[in-house]
Amino acid sequence: MPIYEYQCQACGDEHEAIQKMSADPLVICPACSEPELRKKISAAGFRLKGSGWYETDFKSGSKKNVAESSTKSTPAKASGGCSGGGCGHNH
């Protein structure tokens, strides 16, 4: 659900509220109880809640295990470097 920012026009209090996109905007300020709360224009944040929200959820095939594939690469040897032929590349 999106996280919206609000600011009270009466007291200046700012706060965030987690609401459905279809929900009506809040109008009563929680700090001063005046009906002067206005939604701020900002990039709405959102929360991924529940189990199963991982980087691999919407990937398929060889892209699925990104973390594992980056650790399988063969590092260059410390001595000699690439110019000395110690990296495993065909020179």
Protein backbone atom coordinates (compact mmCIF):
# COMPACT_ATOMS: atom_id res chain seq x y z
CA MET A 1 0.00 0.00 0.00
CA PRO A 2 1.22 3.53 -0.70
CA ILE A 3 2.56 5.74 2.06
CA TYR A 4 1.28 9.31 1.66
CA GLU A 5 2.61 12.49 3.27
CA TYR A 6 0.23 15.01 4.83
CA GLN A 7 0.68 18.48 6.30
CA CYS A 8 -1.77 20.43 8.45
CA GLN A 9 -2.50 23.97 7.21
CA ALA A 10 -3.51 25.03 10.76
CA CYS A 11 -0.60 23.84 12.91
CA GLY A 12 2.03 22.78 10.34
CA ASP A 13 2.24 19.20 11.65
CA GLU A 14 3.52 16.69 9.07
CA HIS A 15 2.93 12.94 9.13
CA GLU A 16 2.70 9.88 6.90
CA ALA A 17 -0.26 7.56 6.44
CA ILE A 18 -0.48 4.12 4.85
CA GLN A 19 -3.63 4.09 2.71
CA LYS A 20 -5.15 2.27 -0.21
CA MET A 21 -4.92 4.19 -3.47
CA SER A 22 -8.72 4.21 -3.63
CA ALA A 23 -9.11 5.65 -0.09
CA ASP A 24 -10.27 9.23 0.43
CA PRO A 25 -7.56 11.67 1.59
CA LEU A 26 -7.36 12.34 5.33
CA VAL A 27 -8.67 15.75 6.46
CA ILE A 28 -8.54 15.75 10.28
CA CYS A 29 -5.10 16.57 11.73
CA PRO A 30 -4.04 14.05 14.41
CA ALA A 31 -2.07 16.77 16.26
CA CYS A 32 -4.63 19.60 16.51
CA SER A 33 -7.90 17.91 15.37
CA GLU A 34 -8.61 20.67 12.83
CA PRO A 35 -10.01 19.70 9.38
CA GLU A 36 -7.00 21.33 7.66
CA LEU A 37 -4.93 18.31 6.64
CA ARG A 38 -3.68 18.40 3.04
CA LYS A 39 -1.91 15.69 1.06
CA LYS A 40 1.58 16.80 0.01
CA ILE A 41 2.73 16.28 -3.55
CA SER A 42 5.63 13.83 -3.31
CA ALA A 43 6.78 10.49 -4.63
CA ALA A 44 4.59 8.01 -2.83
CA GLY A 45 6.49 5.25 -1.06
CA PHE A 46 5.14 1.75 -0.66
CA ARG A 47 5.72 -1.23 1.57
CA LEU A 48 6.23 -4.79 0.34
CA LYS A 49 4.57 -6.74 3.12
CA GLY A 50 4.37 -10.48 3.63
CA SER A 51 6.53 -13.43 2.76
CA GLY A 52 8.08 -14.00 -0.63
CA TRP A 53 9.33 -10.54 -1.61
CA TYR A 54 12.77 -11.38 -2.94
CA GLU A 55 14.81 -10.23 -5.91
CA THR A 56 14.22 -13.56 -7.65
CA ASP A 57 10.42 -13.51 -7.52
CA PHE A 58 9.81 -12.07 -10.96
CA LYS A 59 12.83 -13.42 -12.81
CA SER A 60 13.07 -16.54 -14.90
CA GLY A 61 15.68 -18.93 -16.20
CA SER A 62 19.36 -18.00 -15.75
CA LYS A 63 18.48 -14.56 -14.33
CA LYS A 64 16.78 -16.12 -11.29
CA ASN A 65 19.86 -16.54 -9.08
CA VAL A 66 21.69 -13.24 -9.49
CA ALA A 67 23.63 -13.38 -6.20
CA GLU A 68 24.92 -16.91 -6.79
CA SER A 69 26.08 -16.23 -10.36
CA SER A 70 28.18 -13.23 -9.28
CA THR A 71 30.08 -15.31 -6.69
CA LYS A 72 30.88 -18.10 -9.18
CA SER A 73 33.13 -15.95 -11.38
CA THR A 74 36.83 -16.78 -11.20
CA PRO A 75 38.84 -13.93 -9.70
CA ALA A 76 42.19 -12.90 -11.21
CA LYS A 77 45.26 -14.17 -9.39
CA ALA A 78 46.96 -11.64 -7.16
CA SER A 79 50.42 -12.23 -8.61
CA GLY A 80 51.07 -11.44 -12.22
CA GLY A 81 47.75 -9.74 -12.96
CA CYS A 82 46.26 -9.79 -16.40
CA SER A 83 49.42 -8.56 -18.16
CA GLY A 84 51.41 -11.45 -16.73
CA GLY A 85 48.96 -14.09 -17.88
CA GLY A 86 47.89 -14.97 -14.34
CA CYS A 87 44.24 -14.03 -14.85
CA GLY A 88 43.16 -17.10 -16.79
CA HIS A 89 42.51 -15.20 -20.03
CA ASN A 90 44.09 -16.43 -23.24
CA HIS A 91 46.81 -13.91 -24.11
